[in-house]
N, C-alpha and C. Protein backbone atom coordinates (compact mmCIF):
# COMPACT_ATOMS: atom_id res chain seq x y z
N MET A 1 132.63 102.07 71.12
CA MET A 1 131.32 101.68 70.58
C MET A 1 130.94 102.64 69.47
N SER A 2 130.40 102.11 68.41
CA SER A 2 130.00 102.94 67.30
C SER A 2 128.88 103.87 67.75
N GLY A 3 128.53 104.83 66.88
CA GLY A 3 127.54 105.84 67.25
C GLY A 3 126.26 105.25 67.80
N ILE A 4 125.79 105.84 68.88
CA ILE A 4 124.57 105.36 69.53
C ILE A 4 123.36 105.93 68.80
N LYS A 5 122.45 105.06 68.44
CA LYS A 5 121.18 105.48 67.85
C LYS A 5 120.13 105.46 68.94
N TYR A 6 119.48 106.60 69.14
CA TYR A 6 118.42 106.63 70.14
C TYR A 6 117.30 105.71 69.67
N ASN A 7 116.71 105.03 70.60
CA ASN A 7 115.73 104.02 70.24
C ASN A 7 114.37 104.29 70.85
N LYS A 8 113.46 103.41 70.54
CA LYS A 8 112.07 103.60 70.95
C LYS A 8 111.82 103.24 72.41
N SER A 9 112.62 102.34 72.97
CA SER A 9 112.38 101.96 74.37
C SER A 9 112.62 103.14 75.31
N LYS A 10 113.54 104.03 74.93
CA LYS A 10 113.79 105.21 75.78
C LYS A 10 112.54 106.09 75.80
N THR A 11 111.91 106.24 74.65
CA THR A 11 110.72 107.10 74.55
C THR A 11 109.48 106.45 75.17
N TYR A 12 109.27 105.16 74.90
CA TYR A 12 108.00 104.54 75.24
C TYR A 12 108.03 103.62 76.45
N LEU A 13 109.18 103.08 76.83
CA LEU A 13 109.23 102.15 77.97
C LEU A 13 109.81 102.78 79.23
N LEU A 14 110.82 103.62 79.08
CA LEU A 14 111.41 104.26 80.26
C LEU A 14 110.35 104.96 81.12
N PRO A 15 109.43 105.72 80.51
CA PRO A 15 108.40 106.37 81.34
C PRO A 15 107.54 105.38 82.14
N LEU A 16 107.37 104.17 81.61
CA LEU A 16 106.55 103.19 82.31
C LEU A 16 107.26 102.64 83.54
N MET A 17 108.56 102.81 83.60
CA MET A 17 109.33 102.42 84.78
C MET A 17 109.23 103.48 85.88
N SER A 18 108.86 104.70 85.48
CA SER A 18 108.94 105.84 86.40
C SER A 18 108.03 105.72 87.61
N GLU A 19 106.96 104.94 87.52
CA GLU A 19 106.08 104.75 88.68
C GLU A 19 106.76 103.92 89.77
N LEU A 20 107.62 103.00 89.35
CA LEU A 20 108.24 102.08 90.30
C LEU A 20 109.73 102.33 90.50
N LEU A 21 110.30 103.17 89.67
CA LEU A 21 111.73 103.46 89.73
C LEU A 21 111.87 104.97 89.85
N ASP A 22 112.55 105.42 90.87
CA ASP A 22 112.67 106.85 91.13
C ASP A 22 113.68 107.47 90.16
N LEU A 23 113.22 107.79 88.95
CA LEU A 23 114.08 108.40 87.94
C LEU A 23 114.11 109.91 88.18
N GLU A 24 115.27 110.42 88.54
CA GLU A 24 115.39 111.85 88.83
C GLU A 24 115.65 112.61 87.54
N ILE A 25 114.80 113.59 87.28
CA ILE A 25 114.85 114.36 86.04
C ILE A 25 116.21 115.03 85.87
N LYS A 26 116.82 115.49 86.95
CA LYS A 26 118.10 116.21 86.82
C LYS A 26 119.22 115.32 86.28
N PHE A 27 119.05 113.98 86.37
CA PHE A 27 120.06 113.08 85.83
C PHE A 27 119.72 112.57 84.43
N MET A 28 118.59 113.01 83.88
CA MET A 28 118.20 112.57 82.53
C MET A 28 119.24 112.94 81.46
N PRO A 29 119.90 114.09 81.55
CA PRO A 29 120.91 114.39 80.52
C PRO A 29 122.07 113.38 80.51
N HIS A 30 122.25 112.65 81.59
CA HIS A 30 123.33 111.66 81.67
C HIS A 30 122.85 110.25 81.30
N LEU A 31 121.55 110.12 81.03
CA LEU A 31 120.99 108.84 80.60
C LEU A 31 121.20 108.76 79.08
N ILE A 32 122.08 107.89 78.67
CA ILE A 32 122.48 107.83 77.26
C ILE A 32 121.42 107.16 76.40
N ASN A 33 120.94 106.00 76.85
CA ASN A 33 119.97 105.26 76.06
C ASN A 33 119.41 104.12 76.90
N THR A 34 118.40 103.46 76.35
CA THR A 34 117.84 102.27 77.00
C THR A 34 117.74 101.17 75.94
N TYR A 35 117.63 99.94 76.43
CA TYR A 35 117.57 98.78 75.53
C TYR A 35 116.60 97.75 76.09
N MET A 36 116.01 96.97 75.19
CA MET A 36 115.06 95.93 75.58
C MET A 36 115.72 94.56 75.71
N HIS A 37 116.86 94.39 75.08
CA HIS A 37 117.49 93.08 75.02
C HIS A 37 119.00 93.21 75.14
N ASP A 38 119.65 92.11 75.43
CA ASP A 38 121.10 92.05 75.38
C ASP A 38 121.49 91.04 74.31
N GLU A 39 122.64 91.26 73.71
CA GLU A 39 123.04 90.41 72.58
C GLU A 39 123.30 88.96 72.96
N ASN A 40 123.55 88.70 74.24
CA ASN A 40 123.81 87.32 74.67
C ASN A 40 122.55 86.62 75.16
N HIS A 41 121.43 87.32 75.17
CA HIS A 41 120.14 86.78 75.61
C HIS A 41 120.19 86.27 77.06
N ASP A 42 120.92 86.99 77.90
CA ASP A 42 121.03 86.61 79.31
C ASP A 42 119.84 87.09 80.14
N TYR A 43 119.16 88.14 79.68
CA TYR A 43 118.10 88.76 80.48
C TYR A 43 116.83 88.88 79.65
N GLN A 44 115.73 88.36 80.17
CA GLN A 44 114.44 88.41 79.47
C GLN A 44 113.52 89.42 80.15
N ASP A 45 112.72 90.12 79.35
CA ASP A 45 111.74 91.09 79.85
C ASP A 45 112.39 92.10 80.79
N CYS A 46 113.51 92.64 80.34
CA CYS A 46 114.24 93.63 81.14
C CYS A 46 114.40 94.92 80.35
N LEU A 47 114.71 95.99 81.08
CA LEU A 47 115.07 97.25 80.46
C LEU A 47 116.48 97.59 80.94
N PHE A 48 117.36 97.86 79.99
CA PHE A 48 118.74 98.21 80.26
C PHE A 48 118.85 99.72 80.16
N ILE A 49 119.34 100.36 81.19
CA ILE A 49 119.47 101.82 81.21
C ILE A 49 120.95 102.15 81.24
N LEU A 50 121.43 102.76 80.15
CA LEU A 50 122.84 103.11 80.02
C LEU A 50 123.04 104.56 80.46
N HIS A 51 123.85 104.74 81.48
CA HIS A 51 124.13 106.06 82.06
C HIS A 51 125.58 106.44 81.85
N ASP A 52 125.80 107.72 81.60
CA ASP A 52 127.14 108.27 81.60
C ASP A 52 127.56 108.40 83.06
N PHE A 53 128.75 107.97 83.37
CA PHE A 53 129.24 108.06 84.74
C PHE A 53 130.51 108.90 84.76
N ASN A 54 130.69 109.69 83.72
CA ASN A 54 131.92 110.46 83.53
C ASN A 54 131.77 111.87 84.10
N PHE A 55 131.19 111.98 85.25
CA PHE A 55 131.05 113.29 85.89
C PHE A 55 131.11 113.08 87.39
N LYS A 56 131.56 114.10 88.08
CA LYS A 56 131.70 114.01 89.53
C LYS A 56 130.52 114.72 90.19
N ASN A 57 129.65 113.94 90.76
CA ASN A 57 128.50 114.52 91.45
C ASN A 57 128.12 113.58 92.58
N PRO A 58 128.35 114.00 93.83
CA PRO A 58 128.03 113.12 94.96
C PRO A 58 126.55 112.75 95.03
N GLU A 59 125.69 113.59 94.45
CA GLU A 59 124.26 113.29 94.46
C GLU A 59 123.97 112.05 93.59
N PHE A 60 124.79 111.83 92.57
CA PHE A 60 124.57 110.68 91.70
C PHE A 60 124.79 109.37 92.45
N THR A 61 125.70 109.39 93.42
CA THR A 61 125.94 108.19 94.23
C THR A 61 124.68 107.82 95.00
N ALA A 62 124.03 108.82 95.58
CA ALA A 62 122.77 108.57 96.30
C ALA A 62 121.69 108.10 95.33
N TYR A 63 121.66 108.69 94.14
CA TYR A 63 120.70 108.30 93.12
C TYR A 63 120.94 106.85 92.70
N GLU A 64 122.20 106.50 92.47
CA GLU A 64 122.54 105.13 92.10
C GLU A 64 122.14 104.15 93.20
N HIS A 65 122.30 104.56 94.44
CA HIS A 65 121.91 103.70 95.57
C HIS A 65 120.41 103.41 95.52
N LYS A 66 119.62 104.44 95.21
CA LYS A 66 118.16 104.24 95.08
C LYS A 66 117.83 103.28 93.94
N LEU A 67 118.53 103.45 92.83
CA LEU A 67 118.28 102.58 91.67
C LEU A 67 118.60 101.12 92.00
N THR A 68 119.75 100.90 92.62
CA THR A 68 120.19 99.53 92.87
C THR A 68 119.47 98.87 94.03
N ASN A 69 118.77 99.64 94.82
CA ASN A 69 117.98 99.06 95.92
C ASN A 69 116.51 98.88 95.54
N ASN A 70 116.19 99.14 94.29
CA ASN A 70 114.82 98.97 93.82
C ASN A 70 114.53 97.48 93.65
N PRO A 71 113.31 97.02 93.99
CA PRO A 71 112.98 95.60 93.83
C PRO A 71 113.09 95.09 92.39
N LEU A 72 113.01 95.96 91.40
CA LEU A 72 113.12 95.56 90.00
C LEU A 72 114.57 95.44 89.53
N PHE A 73 115.50 95.91 90.33
CA PHE A 73 116.92 95.90 89.96
C PHE A 73 117.44 94.47 89.85
N VAL A 74 118.13 94.18 88.75
CA VAL A 74 118.72 92.87 88.51
C VAL A 74 120.22 92.92 88.76
N LYS A 75 120.91 93.84 88.05
CA LYS A 75 122.34 94.01 88.24
C LYS A 75 122.81 95.24 87.49
N HIS A 76 124.06 95.65 87.72
CA HIS A 76 124.66 96.71 86.94
C HIS A 76 126.01 96.23 86.42
N ILE A 77 126.41 96.82 85.30
CA ILE A 77 127.68 96.47 84.69
C ILE A 77 128.45 97.77 84.47
N ASP A 78 129.63 97.86 85.07
CA ASP A 78 130.48 99.03 84.88
C ASP A 78 131.24 98.91 83.58
N LEU A 79 131.24 99.98 82.80
CA LEU A 79 131.90 100.01 81.50
C LEU A 79 132.73 101.29 81.41
N ASP A 80 133.84 101.33 82.13
CA ASP A 80 134.68 102.52 82.21
C ASP A 80 133.88 103.71 82.74
N ASN A 81 133.64 104.70 81.87
CA ASN A 81 132.93 105.90 82.32
C ASN A 81 131.42 105.81 82.09
N LYS A 82 130.93 104.59 81.88
CA LYS A 82 129.49 104.35 81.72
C LYS A 82 129.10 103.18 82.60
N VAL A 83 127.82 103.12 82.89
CA VAL A 83 127.29 101.98 83.63
C VAL A 83 125.92 101.64 83.07
N VAL A 84 125.65 100.35 82.93
CA VAL A 84 124.33 99.93 82.48
C VAL A 84 123.64 99.28 83.67
N TYR A 85 122.42 99.76 83.95
CA TYR A 85 121.59 99.20 85.03
C TYR A 85 120.54 98.33 84.36
N ILE A 86 120.37 97.14 84.88
CA ILE A 86 119.40 96.20 84.31
C ILE A 86 118.26 96.03 85.29
N PHE A 87 117.04 96.26 84.80
CA PHE A 87 115.84 96.15 85.62
C PHE A 87 114.85 95.20 84.98
N LYS A 88 114.20 94.41 85.80
CA LYS A 88 113.08 93.60 85.34
C LYS A 88 111.96 94.58 84.97
N PHE A 89 111.33 94.37 83.84
CA PHE A 89 110.27 95.29 83.43
C PHE A 89 109.03 95.01 84.27
N PRO A 90 108.33 96.05 84.73
CA PRO A 90 107.15 95.85 85.60
C PRO A 90 106.09 94.98 84.93
N GLU A 91 105.60 94.02 85.67
CA GLU A 91 104.60 93.07 85.17
C GLU A 91 103.35 93.78 84.66
N GLU A 92 102.97 94.87 85.33
CA GLU A 92 101.74 95.56 84.93
C GLU A 92 101.83 96.21 83.54
N TYR A 93 103.06 96.38 83.03
CA TYR A 93 103.23 96.98 81.71
C TYR A 93 103.92 96.04 80.73
N ILE A 94 103.94 94.77 81.02
CA ILE A 94 104.61 93.82 80.13
C ILE A 94 103.90 93.74 78.76
N LYS A 95 102.59 93.99 78.75
CA LYS A 95 101.86 94.02 77.46
C LYS A 95 102.42 95.13 76.58
N GLU A 96 102.66 96.30 77.19
CA GLU A 96 103.20 97.43 76.43
C GLU A 96 104.62 97.12 75.95
N TYR A 97 105.38 96.44 76.76
CA TYR A 97 106.73 96.02 76.39
C TYR A 97 106.67 95.19 75.10
N ASN A 98 105.76 94.25 75.07
CA ASN A 98 105.59 93.39 73.89
C ASN A 98 104.97 94.13 72.72
N TYR A 99 104.04 95.04 73.00
CA TYR A 99 103.48 95.85 71.91
C TYR A 99 104.57 96.68 71.24
N LEU A 100 105.44 97.28 72.05
CA LEU A 100 106.51 98.08 71.46
C LEU A 100 107.44 97.19 70.63
N PHE A 101 107.77 96.04 71.15
CA PHE A 101 108.64 95.11 70.43
C PHE A 101 108.07 94.82 69.04
N ASN A 102 106.75 94.82 68.92
CA ASN A 102 106.07 94.54 67.65
C ASN A 102 105.59 95.81 66.95
N SER A 103 106.10 96.97 67.38
CA SER A 103 105.78 98.28 66.77
C SER A 103 104.28 98.59 66.81
N GLN A 104 103.60 98.18 67.88
CA GLN A 104 102.15 98.39 68.01
C GLN A 104 101.87 99.47 69.07
N TYR A 105 102.25 100.68 68.75
CA TYR A 105 102.17 101.80 69.70
C TYR A 105 100.74 102.09 70.17
N SER A 106 99.81 102.03 69.25
CA SER A 106 98.44 102.43 69.58
C SER A 106 97.74 101.42 70.49
N LYS A 107 98.30 100.22 70.63
CA LYS A 107 97.68 99.21 71.51
C LYS A 107 98.01 99.43 72.98
N PHE A 108 98.92 100.35 73.27
CA PHE A 108 99.24 100.65 74.67
C PHE A 108 97.96 101.00 75.41
N GLY A 109 97.87 100.60 76.67
CA GLY A 109 96.72 100.95 77.50
C GLY A 109 96.66 102.45 77.75
N GLU A 110 95.47 102.93 78.03
CA GLU A 110 95.27 104.36 78.26
C GLU A 110 96.14 104.88 79.41
N ASP A 111 96.27 104.09 80.49
CA ASP A 111 97.10 104.52 81.62
C ASP A 111 98.57 104.62 81.20
N ALA A 112 99.03 103.71 80.37
CA ALA A 112 100.42 103.75 79.88
C ALA A 112 100.64 104.97 78.99
N LYS A 113 99.69 105.24 78.10
CA LYS A 113 99.82 106.41 77.22
C LYS A 113 99.91 107.70 78.04
N LYS A 114 99.05 107.80 79.04
CA LYS A 114 99.06 108.99 79.89
C LYS A 114 100.37 109.12 80.65
N LEU A 115 100.87 108.02 81.17
CA LEU A 115 102.13 108.03 81.92
C LEU A 115 103.30 108.47 81.02
N ILE A 116 103.33 107.98 79.79
CA ILE A 116 104.39 108.36 78.84
C ILE A 116 104.34 109.87 78.58
N LEU A 117 103.16 110.37 78.28
CA LEU A 117 103.03 111.80 77.97
C LEU A 117 103.30 112.67 79.19
N ASP A 118 102.86 112.25 80.36
CA ASP A 118 103.13 113.01 81.59
C ASP A 118 104.62 113.03 81.91
N PHE A 119 105.28 111.88 81.76
CA PHE A 119 106.71 111.79 82.04
C PHE A 119 107.50 112.75 81.17
N TRP A 120 107.29 112.67 79.86
CA TRP A 120 108.04 113.55 78.96
C TRP A 120 107.61 115.00 79.10
N GLY A 121 106.35 115.22 79.46
CA GLY A 121 105.90 116.59 79.73
C GLY A 121 106.68 117.19 80.90
N THR A 122 106.95 116.39 81.92
CA THR A 122 107.74 116.83 83.08
C THR A 122 109.20 117.05 82.68
N VAL A 123 109.76 116.11 81.94
CA VAL A 123 111.16 116.23 81.50
C VAL A 123 111.37 117.51 80.69
N TYR A 124 110.43 117.81 79.78
CA TYR A 124 110.57 118.97 78.89
C TYR A 124 109.85 120.21 79.40
N SER A 125 109.41 120.20 80.64
CA SER A 125 108.69 121.33 81.21
C SER A 125 109.49 122.62 81.05
N GLY A 126 108.87 123.61 80.44
CA GLY A 126 109.53 124.90 80.24
C GLY A 126 110.48 124.94 79.05
N ASN A 127 110.62 123.84 78.33
CA ASN A 127 111.52 123.77 77.18
C ASN A 127 110.68 123.68 75.91
N GLN A 128 110.64 124.77 75.17
CA GLN A 128 109.83 124.83 73.94
C GLN A 128 110.27 123.81 72.90
N LEU A 129 111.54 123.40 72.95
CA LEU A 129 112.05 122.44 71.98
C LEU A 129 111.41 121.06 72.15
N GLY A 130 110.83 120.79 73.32
CA GLY A 130 110.20 119.50 73.57
C GLY A 130 108.79 119.38 73.00
N ILE A 131 108.19 120.50 72.62
CA ILE A 131 106.79 120.48 72.16
C ILE A 131 106.60 119.61 70.91
N PRO A 132 107.43 119.76 69.86
CA PRO A 132 107.23 118.88 68.68
C PRO A 132 107.38 117.40 69.02
N PHE A 133 108.34 117.08 69.88
CA PHE A 133 108.54 115.70 70.31
C PHE A 133 107.29 115.16 71.01
N LEU A 134 106.76 115.93 71.95
CA LEU A 134 105.56 115.50 72.68
C LEU A 134 104.36 115.35 71.76
N GLN A 135 104.20 116.28 70.82
CA GLN A 135 103.09 116.20 69.87
C GLN A 135 103.20 114.92 69.02
N LYS A 136 104.40 114.63 68.57
CA LYS A 136 104.60 113.45 67.72
C LYS A 136 104.32 112.17 68.50
N VAL A 137 104.78 112.09 69.75
CA VAL A 137 104.53 110.91 70.58
C VAL A 137 103.03 110.73 70.77
N ARG A 138 102.33 111.81 71.08
CA ARG A 138 100.86 111.75 71.24
C ARG A 138 100.20 111.28 69.95
N GLN A 139 100.62 111.83 68.83
CA GLN A 139 100.02 111.45 67.54
C GLN A 139 100.25 109.97 67.22
N ILE A 140 101.42 109.46 67.57
CA ILE A 140 101.72 108.04 67.32
C ILE A 140 100.88 107.15 68.24
N LEU A 141 100.82 107.49 69.51
CA LEU A 141 100.07 106.67 70.47
C LEU A 141 98.58 106.63 70.15
N TYR A 142 98.06 107.76 69.66
CA TYR A 142 96.61 107.85 69.41
C TYR A 142 96.25 107.80 67.93
N LYS A 143 97.20 107.42 67.07
CA LYS A 143 96.96 107.31 65.63
C LYS A 143 96.22 108.53 65.08
N SER A 144 96.83 109.67 65.22
CA SER A 144 96.26 110.95 64.78
C SER A 144 96.05 110.98 63.27
N ASN A 145 94.88 111.43 62.86
CA ASN A 145 94.59 111.59 61.43
C ASN A 145 95.54 112.61 60.79
N LYS A 146 95.88 113.64 61.56
CA LYS A 146 96.79 114.68 61.05
C LYS A 146 98.15 114.06 60.70
N LEU A 147 98.67 113.20 61.57
CA LEU A 147 99.95 112.55 61.30
C LEU A 147 99.81 111.57 60.14
N LYS A 148 98.70 110.85 60.09
CA LYS A 148 98.46 109.90 58.99
C LYS A 148 98.48 110.64 57.65
N GLU A 149 97.81 111.78 57.58
CA GLU A 149 97.77 112.56 56.35
C GLU A 149 99.15 113.08 55.97
N LYS A 150 99.94 113.49 56.98
CA LYS A 150 101.30 113.98 56.72
C LYS A 150 102.17 112.85 56.16
N ILE A 151 102.08 111.67 56.76
CA ILE A 151 102.87 110.53 56.28
C ILE A 151 102.47 110.18 54.85
N GLU A 152 101.16 110.16 54.59
CA GLU A 152 100.68 109.86 53.23
C GLU A 152 101.22 110.88 52.23
N LYS A 153 101.18 112.15 52.61
CA LYS A 153 101.67 113.21 51.72
C LYS A 153 103.18 113.05 51.48
N ASP A 154 103.94 112.77 52.56
CA ASP A 154 105.39 112.62 52.45
C ASP A 154 105.78 111.42 51.58
N LEU A 155 104.99 110.37 51.63
CA LEU A 155 105.29 109.15 50.86
C LEU A 155 104.77 109.18 49.43
N SER A 156 103.82 110.07 49.18
CA SER A 156 103.21 110.13 47.85
C SER A 156 104.10 110.86 46.85
N THR A 157 103.91 110.49 45.59
CA THR A 157 104.58 111.20 44.49
C THR A 157 103.49 111.67 43.54
N VAL A 158 103.90 112.41 42.54
CA VAL A 158 102.93 112.90 41.56
C VAL A 158 102.23 111.73 40.88
N LYS A 159 102.98 110.67 40.59
CA LYS A 159 102.44 109.52 39.88
C LYS A 159 101.80 108.48 40.78
N HIS A 160 102.10 108.56 42.08
CA HIS A 160 101.57 107.52 42.97
C HIS A 160 101.17 108.13 44.33
N LYS A 161 99.87 108.10 44.57
CA LYS A 161 99.35 108.61 45.85
C LYS A 161 99.30 107.46 46.85
N VAL A 162 99.90 107.69 48.01
CA VAL A 162 99.93 106.67 49.06
C VAL A 162 98.75 106.90 50.01
N ILE A 163 98.00 105.83 50.27
CA ILE A 163 96.89 105.86 51.23
C ILE A 163 97.15 104.76 52.25
N LEU A 164 97.28 105.15 53.51
CA LEU A 164 97.50 104.17 54.57
C LEU A 164 96.17 103.61 55.07
N ASP A 165 96.17 102.34 55.44
CA ASP A 165 94.98 101.75 56.05
C ASP A 165 94.73 102.44 57.38
N ASP A 166 93.46 102.49 57.77
CA ASP A 166 93.12 103.13 59.04
C ASP A 166 93.71 102.41 60.24
N ASP A 167 94.00 101.12 60.10
CA ASP A 167 94.56 100.37 61.23
C ASP A 167 96.09 100.39 61.23
N GLN A 168 96.70 101.11 60.29
CA GLN A 168 98.16 101.19 60.19
C GLN A 168 98.73 101.98 61.37
N GLU A 169 99.78 101.42 62.00
CA GLU A 169 100.50 102.15 63.05
C GLU A 169 101.25 103.31 62.41
N LEU A 170 101.39 104.41 63.14
CA LEU A 170 102.02 105.60 62.58
C LEU A 170 103.44 105.83 63.08
N GLY A 171 103.87 105.02 64.03
CA GLY A 171 105.24 105.12 64.52
C GLY A 171 106.16 104.30 63.66
N GLU A 172 107.45 104.63 63.74
CA GLU A 172 108.44 103.89 62.97
C GLU A 172 108.52 102.45 63.44
N TYR A 173 108.95 101.60 62.55
CA TYR A 173 109.18 100.20 62.87
C TYR A 173 110.28 100.14 63.94
N VAL A 174 110.06 99.35 64.97
CA VAL A 174 111.05 99.21 66.03
C VAL A 174 112.16 98.28 65.54
N ASP A 175 113.33 98.85 65.38
CA ASP A 175 114.50 98.11 64.90
C ASP A 175 115.09 97.33 66.07
N ARG A 176 114.96 96.03 66.03
CA ARG A 176 115.42 95.18 67.14
C ARG A 176 116.91 95.32 67.38
N GLU A 177 117.65 95.61 66.32
CA GLU A 177 119.09 95.82 66.45
C GLU A 177 119.38 97.02 67.35
N ASN A 178 118.63 98.10 67.15
CA ASN A 178 118.80 99.31 67.97
C ASN A 178 118.34 99.11 69.40
N GLU A 179 117.52 98.10 69.63
CA GLU A 179 116.99 97.84 70.97
C GLU A 179 117.80 96.78 71.72
N THR A 180 118.94 96.40 71.16
CA THR A 180 119.77 95.35 71.77
C THR A 180 121.05 95.96 72.31
N PHE A 181 121.29 95.76 73.59
CA PHE A 181 122.51 96.25 74.23
C PHE A 181 123.66 95.33 73.86
N LYS A 182 124.70 95.92 73.27
CA LYS A 182 125.83 95.14 72.76
C LYS A 182 127.02 95.30 73.68
N ILE A 183 127.02 94.56 74.76
CA ILE A 183 128.11 94.64 75.72
C ILE A 183 129.44 94.23 75.10
N ASN A 184 129.40 93.31 74.16
CA ASN A 184 130.64 92.84 73.52
C ASN A 184 131.35 93.97 72.78
N GLU A 185 130.59 94.95 72.24
CA GLU A 185 131.21 96.10 71.59
C GLU A 185 131.95 96.96 72.60
N PHE A 186 131.37 97.11 73.80
CA PHE A 186 132.05 97.87 74.85
C PHE A 186 133.34 97.15 75.26
N VAL A 187 133.25 95.85 75.41
CA VAL A 187 134.41 95.07 75.83
C VAL A 187 135.51 95.14 74.77
N LYS A 188 135.14 95.02 73.47
CA LYS A 188 136.12 95.09 72.39
C LYS A 188 136.81 96.46 72.35
N SER A 189 136.00 97.55 72.49
CA SER A 189 136.61 98.88 72.44
C SER A 189 137.52 99.10 73.64
N LYS A 190 137.18 98.53 74.76
CA LYS A 190 138.03 98.64 75.96
C LYS A 190 139.34 97.86 75.74
N ASP A 191 139.26 96.68 75.13
CA ASP A 191 140.43 95.88 74.84
C ASP A 191 141.38 96.63 73.89
N LYS A 192 140.81 97.32 72.89
CA LYS A 192 141.62 98.08 71.94
C LYS A 192 142.39 99.20 72.64
N GLU A 193 141.72 99.84 73.62
CA GLU A 193 142.36 100.93 74.35
C GLU A 193 143.54 100.42 75.16
N ILE A 194 143.43 99.21 75.69
CA ILE A 194 144.47 98.63 76.55
C ILE A 194 145.71 98.28 75.73
N LYS A 195 145.53 97.78 74.50
CA LYS A 195 146.65 97.32 73.65
C LYS A 195 147.55 98.43 73.20
């Protein structure tokens, strides 16, 4: 598979699963990425969680058992040393799922915003490198004037000053291509290895 681009669903949707899915922080380094869609359109309103399975840890087997016994669990697909877990997205946050799909970060409900910030605050607890990431996520969710001014300054030139509308979202456009799990690429790369 070509280089993985980290996407927005990992940042903004994965934390919303954390209330109903027991995501263990110690296994986060093995969580490669998440996706909102599959290229074959087999699963609607789901979150695909791609995990590295290329390590020997008996605790991960117990963790996987918890994941697959969750009521939101749909199925898993083994891909050599990786596995993708497919979960139905929680109904209570389906609005946020659709807002993200349309790059409307600031429309997330207050409870969702808090859950996202709390989740990543826990993941990065004690890690100073996580502070800029957390600040940026907060600024995007709450449409911070400071971030708006920075974006305007970065986009402006001497000859052209950029002014964003007050209702403009401050997060990047959600690239649907990056949010689509491409199982066929995994299958093709596996076929090449066999030949």
